[in-house]
Amino acid sequence: MSFSRSERDLVEIANLSNFSHSFAGGQLQPGPGWLYKIPSYDTQGLYQRAAGSFPVRVERSSALSFYLREPDLDATLSADGKTLRIYGVNSTPELRKIKFALPANIGPVETAEVFVVADSNPVADSEAMNSRDDPHRVALQRRKADLGVREFDYSFAPFAVTCWSSGWRTRENAPAVRGATFTSRRIVCVPRG
């Protein structure tokens, strides 16, 4: 990812050179009669969904150093206060199960979807990549999540980037201003297994 410049509250994460033909590092890899996406194309798309959102504090009950906790978790809340996204990066070869407890002041969950960028082989490989001959080896998978409760378990796939997205009716009017308003919202996570 190329974090090249910052202007106020905007960050440029890619440019045309990064998008195609960037010395075999571009998002799209074209050739005579073929075209495929590299995995970071879909990964950047997941993070792009959080544009205009505010950070949500993720509290974890692990004694491990912040840098050793797996999966790495981050969360955002949309500006209208109706969409929570939890991002998880599992850089280990094991499935990582986490219990989540969402804030009590949110309304009932109406929708939930999970987006995962991962190796499509049954045994995930940290070195997996797409190629002309296997253009969907690492692919974006999307599915509906069955969720109607504030506390739930989720298992993060090995060597994968996950975006868990939920929408709900808010019980209170959504705050109209910046991230400081949202710092009181938090997610509590407990490692399982």
N, C-alpha and C. Protein backbone atom coordinates (compact mmCIF):
# COMPACT_ATOMS: atom_id res chain seq x y z
N MET A 1 0.83 -1.16 0.00
CA MET A 1 0.00 0.00 0.00
C MET A 1 0.89 1.23 0.00
N SER A 2 0.50 2.22 -0.73
CA SER A 2 1.30 3.42 -0.85
C SER A 2 0.61 4.58 -0.14
N PHE A 3 1.07 4.93 1.04
CA PHE A 3 0.55 6.10 1.75
C PHE A 3 1.43 7.27 1.36
N SER A 4 1.07 7.95 0.27
CA SER A 4 2.00 8.92 -0.29
C SER A 4 1.83 10.34 0.22
N ARG A 5 0.62 10.78 0.51
CA ARG A 5 0.50 12.13 1.02
C ARG A 5 -0.78 12.25 1.83
N SER A 6 -0.79 13.21 2.70
CA SER A 6 -1.95 13.41 3.56
C SER A 6 -2.40 14.86 3.48
N GLU A 7 -3.68 15.07 3.31
CA GLU A 7 -4.24 16.42 3.31
C GLU A 7 -5.40 16.44 4.30
N ARG A 8 -5.22 17.15 5.38
CA ARG A 8 -6.23 17.26 6.41
C ARG A 8 -6.68 15.87 6.87
N ASP A 9 -7.91 15.46 6.53
CA ASP A 9 -8.37 14.15 6.99
C ASP A 9 -8.46 13.13 5.86
N LEU A 10 -7.74 13.38 4.75
CA LEU A 10 -7.73 12.45 3.62
C LEU A 10 -6.35 11.83 3.48
N VAL A 11 -6.31 10.58 3.10
CA VAL A 11 -5.04 9.91 2.82
C VAL A 11 -5.16 9.23 1.47
N GLU A 12 -4.21 9.49 0.60
CA GLU A 12 -4.17 8.84 -0.70
C GLU A 12 -3.52 7.47 -0.51
N ILE A 13 -4.23 6.40 -0.85
CA ILE A 13 -3.65 5.07 -0.62
C ILE A 13 -3.18 4.40 -1.89
N ALA A 14 -3.48 4.94 -3.04
CA ALA A 14 -3.00 4.35 -4.29
C ALA A 14 -3.09 5.40 -5.39
N ASN A 15 -2.33 5.18 -6.44
CA ASN A 15 -2.40 6.06 -7.60
C ASN A 15 -2.41 5.20 -8.85
N LEU A 16 -2.50 5.82 -10.03
CA LEU A 16 -2.62 5.07 -11.27
C LEU A 16 -1.43 4.14 -11.48
N SER A 17 -0.23 4.59 -11.13
CA SER A 17 0.95 3.74 -11.28
C SER A 17 0.83 2.49 -10.41
N ASN A 18 0.29 2.64 -9.19
CA ASN A 18 0.09 1.47 -8.33
C ASN A 18 -1.01 0.57 -8.87
N PHE A 19 -1.96 1.14 -9.59
CA PHE A 19 -3.12 0.39 -10.03
C PHE A 19 -2.80 -0.61 -11.14
N SER A 20 -1.92 -0.23 -12.06
CA SER A 20 -1.63 -1.13 -13.18
C SER A 20 -0.19 -0.96 -13.63
N HIS A 21 0.45 -2.06 -13.88
CA HIS A 21 1.80 -2.09 -14.46
C HIS A 21 2.90 -1.49 -13.61
N SER A 22 2.78 -1.44 -12.34
CA SER A 22 3.80 -0.82 -11.51
C SER A 22 4.94 -1.82 -11.27
N PHE A 23 5.72 -2.09 -12.29
CA PHE A 23 6.83 -3.04 -12.22
C PHE A 23 6.37 -4.36 -11.61
N ALA A 24 5.30 -4.92 -12.15
CA ALA A 24 4.70 -6.18 -11.71
C ALA A 24 4.11 -6.08 -10.31
N GLY A 25 3.95 -4.88 -9.80
CA GLY A 25 3.36 -4.72 -8.48
C GLY A 25 2.02 -4.00 -8.54
N GLY A 26 1.50 -3.77 -9.75
CA GLY A 26 0.24 -3.07 -9.89
C GLY A 26 -0.94 -3.93 -9.47
N GLN A 27 -2.05 -3.27 -9.17
CA GLN A 27 -3.26 -3.96 -8.74
C GLN A 27 -3.81 -4.88 -9.82
N LEU A 28 -3.73 -4.45 -11.08
CA LEU A 28 -4.19 -5.26 -12.21
C LEU A 28 -2.97 -5.69 -13.01
N GLN A 29 -2.91 -6.95 -13.31
CA GLN A 29 -1.80 -7.49 -14.09
C GLN A 29 -2.31 -7.92 -15.46
N PRO A 30 -2.08 -7.09 -16.50
CA PRO A 30 -2.55 -7.43 -17.83
C PRO A 30 -1.48 -8.15 -18.64
N GLY A 31 -1.93 -8.91 -19.63
CA GLY A 31 -1.04 -9.58 -20.56
C GLY A 31 -1.81 -9.85 -21.83
N PRO A 32 -1.18 -10.48 -22.81
CA PRO A 32 -1.87 -10.74 -24.08
C PRO A 32 -3.02 -11.73 -23.87
N GLY A 33 -4.23 -11.21 -23.83
CA GLY A 33 -5.41 -12.07 -23.70
C GLY A 33 -5.79 -12.42 -22.27
N TRP A 34 -5.15 -11.83 -21.26
CA TRP A 34 -5.49 -12.15 -19.87
C TRP A 34 -5.33 -10.93 -18.98
N LEU A 35 -6.00 -10.99 -17.84
CA LEU A 35 -5.96 -9.93 -16.85
C LEU A 35 -6.34 -10.55 -15.51
N TYR A 36 -5.58 -10.24 -14.48
CA TYR A 36 -5.96 -10.70 -13.14
C TYR A 36 -5.62 -9.62 -12.12
N LYS A 37 -6.29 -9.72 -10.95
CA LYS A 37 -6.07 -8.77 -9.86
C LYS A 37 -5.12 -9.41 -8.85
N ILE A 38 -4.24 -8.59 -8.25
CA ILE A 38 -3.44 -9.10 -7.15
C ILE A 38 -4.28 -8.97 -5.88
N PRO A 39 -3.98 -9.74 -4.82
CA PRO A 39 -4.83 -9.74 -3.62
C PRO A 39 -5.06 -8.38 -2.98
N SER A 40 -4.10 -7.47 -3.06
CA SER A 40 -4.29 -6.18 -2.40
C SER A 40 -5.37 -5.34 -3.09
N TYR A 41 -5.77 -5.68 -4.31
CA TYR A 41 -6.88 -4.99 -4.97
C TYR A 41 -8.14 -5.13 -4.12
N ASP A 42 -8.47 -6.36 -3.74
CA ASP A 42 -9.67 -6.61 -2.92
C ASP A 42 -9.48 -6.12 -1.49
N THR A 43 -8.27 -6.24 -0.97
CA THR A 43 -7.99 -5.78 0.39
C THR A 43 -8.20 -4.28 0.50
N GLN A 44 -7.68 -3.51 -0.46
CA GLN A 44 -7.89 -2.06 -0.43
C GLN A 44 -9.36 -1.73 -0.58
N GLY A 45 -10.09 -2.55 -1.33
CA GLY A 45 -11.53 -2.35 -1.46
C GLY A 45 -12.25 -2.52 -0.13
N LEU A 46 -11.80 -3.46 0.69
CA LEU A 46 -12.40 -3.65 2.02
C LEU A 46 -12.17 -2.42 2.90
N TYR A 47 -10.95 -1.93 2.90
CA TYR A 47 -10.64 -0.77 3.73
C TYR A 47 -11.28 0.51 3.19
N GLN A 48 -11.50 0.57 1.87
CA GLN A 48 -12.16 1.73 1.27
C GLN A 48 -13.58 1.87 1.80
N ARG A 49 -14.21 0.78 2.18
CA ARG A 49 -15.58 0.83 2.71
C ARG A 49 -15.67 1.71 3.96
N ALA A 50 -14.57 1.88 4.66
CA ALA A 50 -14.57 2.67 5.90
C ALA A 50 -14.34 4.16 5.66
N ALA A 51 -14.22 4.57 4.40
CA ALA A 51 -14.02 5.99 4.11
C ALA A 51 -15.15 6.81 4.73
N GLY A 52 -14.82 7.87 5.43
CA GLY A 52 -15.81 8.72 6.07
C GLY A 52 -16.28 8.21 7.42
N SER A 53 -15.72 7.10 7.87
CA SER A 53 -16.12 6.51 9.16
C SER A 53 -15.22 7.03 10.29
N PHE A 54 -15.59 6.67 11.50
CA PHE A 54 -14.84 7.08 12.68
C PHE A 54 -14.31 5.85 13.39
N PRO A 55 -13.16 5.96 14.05
CA PRO A 55 -12.58 4.80 14.75
C PRO A 55 -13.39 4.41 15.98
N VAL A 56 -13.40 3.13 16.26
CA VAL A 56 -14.04 2.59 17.45
C VAL A 56 -12.95 1.88 18.25
N ARG A 57 -12.90 2.12 19.53
CA ARG A 57 -11.89 1.49 20.38
C ARG A 57 -12.19 -0.01 20.51
N VAL A 58 -11.17 -0.82 20.31
CA VAL A 58 -11.27 -2.26 20.48
C VAL A 58 -10.50 -2.63 21.73
N GLU A 59 -11.19 -3.14 22.73
CA GLU A 59 -10.54 -3.56 23.98
C GLU A 59 -10.37 -5.07 23.95
N ARG A 60 -9.14 -5.52 24.24
CA ARG A 60 -8.87 -6.96 24.23
C ARG A 60 -8.40 -7.40 25.60
N SER A 61 -8.78 -8.60 25.96
CA SER A 61 -8.45 -9.10 27.29
C SER A 61 -7.22 -10.00 27.28
N SER A 62 -6.37 -9.84 26.31
CA SER A 62 -5.17 -10.66 26.21
C SER A 62 -4.01 -10.02 26.98
N ALA A 63 -3.20 -10.86 27.61
CA ALA A 63 -2.03 -10.37 28.32
C ALA A 63 -0.85 -10.15 27.38
N LEU A 64 -0.97 -10.62 26.14
CA LEU A 64 0.11 -10.46 25.17
C LEU A 64 0.30 -8.99 24.79
N SER A 65 1.50 -8.67 24.36
CA SER A 65 1.78 -7.34 23.84
C SER A 65 0.85 -7.06 22.66
N PHE A 66 0.52 -5.79 22.47
CA PHE A 66 -0.32 -5.36 21.35
C PHE A 66 0.19 -5.94 20.03
N TYR A 67 1.50 -5.97 19.84
CA TYR A 67 2.10 -6.41 18.58
C TYR A 67 2.02 -7.92 18.36
N LEU A 68 1.72 -8.68 19.39
CA LEU A 68 1.67 -10.14 19.27
C LEU A 68 0.25 -10.69 19.20
N ARG A 69 -0.74 -9.86 19.37
CA ARG A 69 -2.12 -10.33 19.38
C ARG A 69 -2.58 -10.68 17.96
N GLU A 70 -3.17 -11.83 17.83
CA GLU A 70 -3.71 -12.29 16.55
C GLU A 70 -5.16 -12.69 16.75
N PRO A 71 -6.03 -12.30 15.86
CA PRO A 71 -5.76 -11.42 14.73
C PRO A 71 -5.62 -9.98 15.17
N ASP A 72 -5.00 -9.18 14.31
CA ASP A 72 -4.93 -7.74 14.53
C ASP A 72 -6.33 -7.20 14.23
N LEU A 73 -6.91 -6.46 15.16
CA LEU A 73 -8.28 -5.99 15.01
C LEU A 73 -8.37 -4.47 14.97
N ASP A 74 -9.31 -3.98 14.18
CA ASP A 74 -9.60 -2.56 14.08
C ASP A 74 -11.09 -2.46 13.82
N ALA A 75 -11.72 -1.35 14.20
CA ALA A 75 -13.15 -1.18 13.97
C ALA A 75 -13.46 0.27 13.64
N THR A 76 -14.50 0.45 12.82
CA THR A 76 -14.96 1.78 12.46
C THR A 76 -16.48 1.84 12.53
N LEU A 77 -16.99 3.03 12.74
CA LEU A 77 -18.43 3.29 12.75
C LEU A 77 -18.72 4.35 11.70
N SER A 78 -19.72 4.10 10.85
CA SER A 78 -20.03 5.04 9.78
C SER A 78 -20.49 6.38 10.35
N ALA A 79 -20.40 7.41 9.53
CA ALA A 79 -20.75 8.76 9.98
C ALA A 79 -22.20 8.86 10.44
N ASP A 80 -23.11 8.05 9.87
CA ASP A 80 -24.51 8.10 10.29
C ASP A 80 -24.77 7.22 11.52
N GLY A 81 -23.74 6.52 12.00
CA GLY A 81 -23.87 5.70 13.20
C GLY A 81 -24.62 4.40 13.00
N LYS A 82 -24.82 3.98 11.75
CA LYS A 82 -25.64 2.79 11.49
C LYS A 82 -24.86 1.58 10.97
N THR A 83 -23.57 1.75 10.69
CA THR A 83 -22.79 0.62 10.18
C THR A 83 -21.49 0.48 10.96
N LEU A 84 -21.32 -0.68 11.56
CA LEU A 84 -20.08 -1.01 12.27
C LEU A 84 -19.30 -1.98 11.40
N ARG A 85 -18.02 -1.70 11.22
CA ARG A 85 -17.14 -2.62 10.49
C ARG A 85 -16.01 -3.02 11.41
N ILE A 86 -15.79 -4.32 11.51
CA ILE A 86 -14.68 -4.86 12.28
C ILE A 86 -13.72 -5.50 11.29
N TYR A 87 -12.48 -5.02 11.30
CA TYR A 87 -11.46 -5.56 10.41
C TYR A 87 -10.54 -6.46 11.22
N GLY A 88 -10.20 -7.61 10.66
CA GLY A 88 -9.27 -8.53 11.32
C GLY A 88 -8.25 -9.04 10.33
N VAL A 89 -6.98 -9.03 10.71
CA VAL A 89 -5.92 -9.59 9.89
C VAL A 89 -5.30 -10.73 10.67
N ASN A 90 -5.48 -11.93 10.17
CA ASN A 90 -4.91 -13.12 10.81
C ASN A 90 -3.70 -13.54 9.99
N SER A 91 -2.52 -13.31 10.51
CA SER A 91 -1.28 -13.66 9.79
C SER A 91 -0.70 -14.98 10.27
N THR A 92 -1.53 -15.81 10.90
CA THR A 92 -1.07 -17.12 11.40
C THR A 92 -1.70 -18.24 10.57
N PRO A 93 -1.15 -19.46 10.66
CA PRO A 93 -1.73 -20.60 9.94
C PRO A 93 -2.92 -21.23 10.65
N GLU A 94 -3.32 -20.69 11.81
CA GLU A 94 -4.43 -21.26 12.56
C GLU A 94 -5.67 -20.39 12.46
N LEU A 95 -6.83 -21.03 12.58
CA LEU A 95 -8.10 -20.34 12.72
C LEU A 95 -8.07 -19.65 14.08
N ARG A 96 -8.45 -18.38 14.16
CA ARG A 96 -8.44 -17.64 15.43
C ARG A 96 -9.86 -17.25 15.81
N LYS A 97 -10.35 -17.82 16.91
CA LYS A 97 -11.71 -17.56 17.35
C LYS A 97 -11.70 -16.45 18.41
N ILE A 98 -12.56 -15.46 18.21
CA ILE A 98 -12.65 -14.30 19.11
C ILE A 98 -14.11 -14.12 19.50
N LYS A 99 -14.35 -13.81 20.77
CA LYS A 99 -15.69 -13.45 21.23
C LYS A 99 -15.79 -11.93 21.25
N PHE A 100 -16.86 -11.40 20.67
CA PHE A 100 -17.10 -9.97 20.61
C PHE A 100 -18.28 -9.59 21.48
N ALA A 101 -18.19 -8.45 22.13
CA ALA A 101 -19.30 -7.87 22.86
C ALA A 101 -19.48 -6.44 22.35
N LEU A 102 -20.59 -6.20 21.68
CA LEU A 102 -20.85 -4.88 21.10
C LEU A 102 -21.46 -3.95 22.14
N PRO A 103 -21.40 -2.64 21.92
CA PRO A 103 -21.93 -1.68 22.89
C PRO A 103 -23.42 -1.91 23.15
N ALA A 104 -23.85 -1.65 24.38
CA ALA A 104 -25.25 -1.84 24.76
C ALA A 104 -26.15 -0.77 24.19
N ASN A 105 -25.59 0.38 23.76
CA ASN A 105 -26.43 1.47 23.30
C ASN A 105 -26.77 1.41 21.82
N ILE A 106 -26.44 0.32 21.13
CA ILE A 106 -26.84 0.20 19.73
C ILE A 106 -28.20 -0.47 19.65
N GLY A 107 -28.89 -0.23 18.56
CA GLY A 107 -30.19 -0.84 18.35
C GLY A 107 -30.03 -2.26 17.84
N PRO A 108 -31.14 -2.91 17.49
CA PRO A 108 -31.07 -4.28 17.01
C PRO A 108 -30.32 -4.39 15.68
N VAL A 109 -29.51 -5.43 15.52
CA VAL A 109 -28.77 -5.66 14.28
C VAL A 109 -29.76 -6.07 13.21
N GLU A 110 -29.73 -5.38 12.07
CA GLU A 110 -30.63 -5.71 10.97
C GLU A 110 -29.94 -6.50 9.87
N THR A 111 -28.68 -6.19 9.61
CA THR A 111 -27.95 -6.89 8.55
C THR A 111 -26.53 -7.17 9.04
N ALA A 112 -25.96 -8.23 8.53
CA ALA A 112 -24.55 -8.52 8.82
C ALA A 112 -23.97 -9.30 7.64
N GLU A 113 -22.80 -8.87 7.20
CA GLU A 113 -22.09 -9.53 6.11
C GLU A 113 -20.63 -9.68 6.49
N VAL A 114 -20.01 -10.70 5.93
CA VAL A 114 -18.59 -10.93 6.15
C VAL A 114 -17.91 -10.98 4.79
N PHE A 115 -16.82 -10.21 4.66
CA PHE A 115 -16.00 -10.19 3.46
C PHE A 115 -14.62 -10.70 3.86
N VAL A 116 -14.10 -11.71 3.15
CA VAL A 116 -12.80 -12.29 3.49
C VAL A 116 -11.94 -12.39 2.25
N VAL A 117 -10.73 -11.85 2.32
CA VAL A 117 -9.74 -12.03 1.26
C VAL A 117 -8.78 -13.10 1.78
N ALA A 118 -8.79 -14.28 1.10
CA ALA A 118 -8.00 -15.40 1.61
C ALA A 118 -7.66 -16.35 0.47
N ASP A 119 -6.72 -17.23 0.75
CA ASP A 119 -6.34 -18.31 -0.15
C ASP A 119 -7.54 -19.23 -0.35
N SER A 120 -7.86 -19.57 -1.59
CA SER A 120 -9.01 -20.43 -1.86
C SER A 120 -8.69 -21.92 -1.72
N ASN A 121 -7.42 -22.26 -1.55
CA ASN A 121 -7.06 -23.66 -1.32
C ASN A 121 -7.51 -24.10 0.06
N PRO A 122 -7.85 -25.38 0.23
CA PRO A 122 -8.28 -25.86 1.55
C PRO A 122 -7.22 -25.67 2.64
N VAL A 123 -5.94 -25.76 2.28
CA VAL A 123 -4.86 -25.50 3.23
C VAL A 123 -4.24 -24.17 2.84
N ALA A 124 -4.51 -23.15 3.65
CA ALA A 124 -4.04 -21.80 3.33
C ALA A 124 -2.52 -21.72 3.35
N ASP A 125 -1.98 -20.92 2.44
CA ASP A 125 -0.54 -20.75 2.30
C ASP A 125 -0.22 -19.25 2.39
N SER A 126 0.70 -18.89 3.25
CA SER A 126 1.06 -17.48 3.40
C SER A 126 1.72 -16.90 2.15
N GLU A 127 2.20 -17.76 1.27
CA GLU A 127 2.86 -17.31 0.04
C GLU A 127 1.93 -17.35 -1.17
N ALA A 128 0.66 -17.65 -0.96
CA ALA A 128 -0.28 -17.76 -2.08
C ALA A 128 -0.40 -16.43 -2.81
N MET A 129 -0.55 -16.50 -4.12
CA MET A 129 -0.75 -15.31 -4.94
C MET A 129 -1.52 -15.69 -6.19
N ASN A 130 -2.06 -14.70 -6.84
CA ASN A 130 -2.76 -14.93 -8.10
C ASN A 130 -1.75 -14.88 -9.25
N SER A 131 -2.11 -15.55 -10.32
CA SER A 131 -1.25 -15.57 -11.50
C SER A 131 -2.11 -15.71 -12.74
N ARG A 132 -1.50 -15.64 -13.89
CA ARG A 132 -2.24 -15.81 -15.15
C ARG A 132 -2.93 -17.17 -15.17
N ASP A 133 -2.25 -18.21 -14.68
CA ASP A 133 -2.81 -19.56 -14.71
C ASP A 133 -3.77 -19.86 -13.56
N ASP A 134 -3.72 -19.07 -12.51
CA ASP A 134 -4.60 -19.25 -11.36
C ASP A 134 -5.04 -17.87 -10.85
N PRO A 135 -5.90 -17.17 -11.63
CA PRO A 135 -6.22 -15.78 -11.32
C PRO A 135 -7.08 -15.57 -10.08
N HIS A 136 -7.66 -16.63 -9.53
CA HIS A 136 -8.53 -16.49 -8.35
C HIS A 136 -8.02 -17.30 -7.16
N ARG A 137 -6.74 -17.56 -7.11
CA ARG A 137 -6.18 -18.33 -5.99
C ARG A 137 -6.46 -17.61 -4.66
N VAL A 138 -6.17 -16.31 -4.62
CA VAL A 138 -6.52 -15.49 -3.45
C VAL A 138 -7.68 -14.62 -3.90
N ALA A 139 -8.83 -14.82 -3.26
CA ALA A 139 -10.04 -14.17 -3.75
C ALA A 139 -10.88 -13.59 -2.61
N LEU A 140 -11.75 -12.67 -2.98
CA LEU A 140 -12.70 -12.09 -2.04
C LEU A 140 -13.92 -13.00 -1.96
N GLN A 141 -14.26 -13.40 -0.75
CA GLN A 141 -15.46 -14.19 -0.52
C GLN A 141 -16.41 -13.34 0.30
N ARG A 142 -17.68 -13.40 -0.04
CA ARG A 142 -18.70 -12.59 0.64
C ARG A 142 -19.85 -13.50 1.05
N ARG A 143 -20.31 -13.31 2.29
CA ARG A 143 -21.46 -14.10 2.73
C ARG A 143 -22.24 -13.31 3.79
N LYS A 144 -23.51 -13.65 3.89
CA LYS A 144 -24.35 -13.07 4.94
C LYS A 144 -23.97 -13.72 6.26
N ALA A 145 -24.05 -12.96 7.33
CA ALA A 145 -23.77 -13.50 8.66
C ALA A 145 -25.09 -13.55 9.42
N ASP A 146 -25.30 -14.62 10.13
CA ASP A 146 -26.49 -14.78 10.94
C ASP A 146 -26.19 -14.20 12.32
N LEU A 147 -26.71 -13.01 12.56
CA LEU A 147 -26.38 -12.35 13.81
C LEU A 147 -27.58 -11.56 14.30
N GLY A 148 -27.94 -11.74 15.51
CA GLY A 148 -29.04 -10.99 16.08
C GLY A 148 -28.77 -10.66 17.54
N VAL A 149 -27.54 -10.86 17.97
CA VAL A 149 -27.18 -10.65 19.37
C VAL A 149 -25.97 -9.73 19.46
N ARG A 150 -25.75 -9.17 20.64
CA ARG A 150 -24.62 -8.26 20.84
C ARG A 150 -23.33 -9.00 21.18
N GLU A 151 -23.45 -10.20 21.71
CA GLU A 151 -22.25 -11.00 22.00
C GLU A 151 -22.24 -12.20 21.06
N PHE A 152 -21.12 -12.40 20.40
CA PHE A 152 -21.01 -13.49 19.43
C PHE A 152 -19.55 -13.89 19.26
N ASP A 153 -19.35 -15.10 18.77
CA ASP A 153 -18.01 -15.60 18.44
C ASP A 153 -17.82 -15.51 16.94
N TYR A 154 -16.59 -15.21 16.53
CA TYR A 154 -16.26 -15.25 15.11
C TYR A 154 -14.88 -15.86 14.95
N SER A 155 -14.73 -16.74 13.96
CA SER A 155 -13.45 -17.39 13.68
C SER A 155 -12.81 -16.74 12.45
N PHE A 156 -11.62 -16.19 12.64
CA PHE A 156 -10.88 -15.54 11.55
C PHE A 156 -10.03 -16.58 10.82
N ALA A 157 -10.21 -16.65 9.51
CA ALA A 157 -9.50 -17.62 8.67
C ALA A 157 -7.99 -17.37 8.70
N PRO A 158 -7.20 -18.45 8.53
CA PRO A 158 -5.74 -18.29 8.49
C PRO A 158 -5.29 -17.46 7.29
N PHE A 159 -4.23 -16.70 7.49
CA PHE A 159 -3.63 -15.89 6.42
C PHE A 159 -4.70 -15.12 5.64
N ALA A 160 -5.55 -14.39 6.35
CA ALA A 160 -6.67 -13.72 5.68
C ALA A 160 -6.91 -12.33 6.25
N VAL A 161 -7.54 -11.49 5.43
CA VAL A 161 -8.02 -10.18 5.85
C VAL A 161 -9.54 -10.26 5.83
N THR A 162 -10.18 -9.89 6.94
CA THR A 162 -11.63 -10.01 7.08
C THR A 162 -12.25 -8.66 7.40
N CYS A 163 -13.40 -8.40 6.80
CA CYS A 163 -14.21 -7.24 7.16
C CYS A 163 -15.60 -7.75 7.52
N TRP A 164 -15.95 -7.62 8.80
CA TRP A 164 -17.28 -8.00 9.29
C TRP A 164 -18.07 -6.71 9.36
N SER A 165 -19.18 -6.63 8.64
CA SER A 165 -19.95 -5.39 8.53
C SER A 165 -21.38 -5.62 9.00
N SER A 166 -21.87 -4.74 9.89
CA SER A 166 -23.24 -4.88 10.36
C SER A 166 -23.96 -3.54 10.33
N GLY A 167 -25.25 -3.60 10.15
CA GLY A 167 -26.07 -2.40 10.15
C GLY A 167 -27.22 -2.58 11.13
N TRP A 168 -27.65 -1.48 11.75
CA TRP A 168 -28.72 -1.56 12.74
C TRP A 168 -29.49 -0.25 12.79
N ARG A 169 -30.62 -0.31 13.46
CA ARG A 169 -31.38 0.90 13.78
C ARG A 169 -30.77 1.47 15.04
N THR A 170 -30.47 2.75 15.03
CA THR A 170 -29.89 3.35 16.23
C THR A 170 -30.98 3.72 17.22
N ARG A 171 -30.67 3.61 18.51
CA ARG A 171 -31.61 3.99 19.56
C ARG A 171 -31.56 5.48 19.85
N GLU A 172 -30.44 6.07 19.52
CA GLU A 172 -30.27 7.50 19.75
C GLU A 172 -29.91 8.14 18.43
N ASN A 173 -30.07 9.42 18.32
CA ASN A 173 -29.69 10.10 17.09
C ASN A 173 -28.19 9.95 16.89
N ALA A 174 -27.80 9.68 15.64
CA ALA A 174 -26.38 9.52 15.35
C ALA A 174 -25.66 10.86 15.55
N PRO A 175 -24.50 10.86 16.18
CA PRO A 175 -23.76 12.10 16.36
C PRO A 175 -23.42 12.74 15.01
N ALA A 176 -23.46 14.04 14.95
CA ALA A 176 -23.27 14.74 13.68
C ALA A 176 -21.84 15.20 13.46
N VAL A 177 -20.98 15.10 14.46
CA VAL A 177 -19.63 15.63 14.29
C VAL A 177 -18.56 14.56 14.45
N ARG A 178 -17.33 14.99 14.55
CA ARG A 178 -16.11 14.20 14.44
C ARG A 178 -15.93 13.03 15.39
N GLY A 179 -14.81 12.32 15.20
CA GLY A 179 -14.49 11.09 15.90
C GLY A 179 -14.53 11.15 17.41
N ALA A 180 -14.28 12.30 18.01
CA ALA A 180 -14.28 12.38 19.47
C ALA A 180 -15.62 11.94 20.04
N THR A 181 -16.69 12.18 19.30
CA THR A 181 -18.02 11.79 19.74
C THR A 181 -18.13 10.27 19.87
N PHE A 182 -17.38 9.55 19.06
CA PHE A 182 -17.50 8.10 18.99
C PHE A 182 -16.56 7.36 19.94
N THR A 183 -15.66 8.07 20.61
CA THR A 183 -14.68 7.37 21.43
C THR A 183 -15.31 6.65 22.61
N SER A 184 -16.54 7.02 22.99
CA SER A 184 -17.19 6.32 24.09
C SER A 184 -17.73 4.96 23.64
N ARG A 185 -17.84 4.74 22.36
CA ARG A 185 -18.29 3.44 21.85
C ARG A 185 -17.10 2.51 21.83
N ARG A 186 -17.32 1.27 22.23
CA ARG A 186 -16.20 0.34 22.27
C ARG A 186 -16.68 -1.07 21.99
N ILE A 187 -15.75 -1.90 21.63
CA ILE A 187 -15.98 -3.31 21.41
C ILE A 187 -15.05 -4.05 22.35
N VAL A 188 -15.56 -5.03 23.04
CA VAL A 188 -14.72 -5.83 23.93
C VAL A 188 -14.52 -7.19 23.27
N CYS A 189 -13.26 -7.65 23.20
CA CYS A 189 -12.93 -8.91 22.55
C CYS A 189 -12.21 -9.83 23.51
N VAL A 190 -12.56 -11.11 23.47
CA VAL A 190 -11.92 -12.11 24.32
C VAL A 190 -11.43 -13.25 23.43
N PRO A 191 -10.13 -13.59 23.47
CA PRO A 191 -9.65 -14.72 22.67
C PRO A 191 -10.27 -16.02 23.13
N ARG A 192 -10.53 -16.92 22.20
CA ARG A 192 -11.09 -18.24 22.52
C ARG A 192 -10.12 -19.31 22.08
N GLY A 193 -10.11 -20.39 22.79
CA GLY A 193 -9.32 -21.56 22.37
C GLY A 193 -7.89 -21.33 22.54
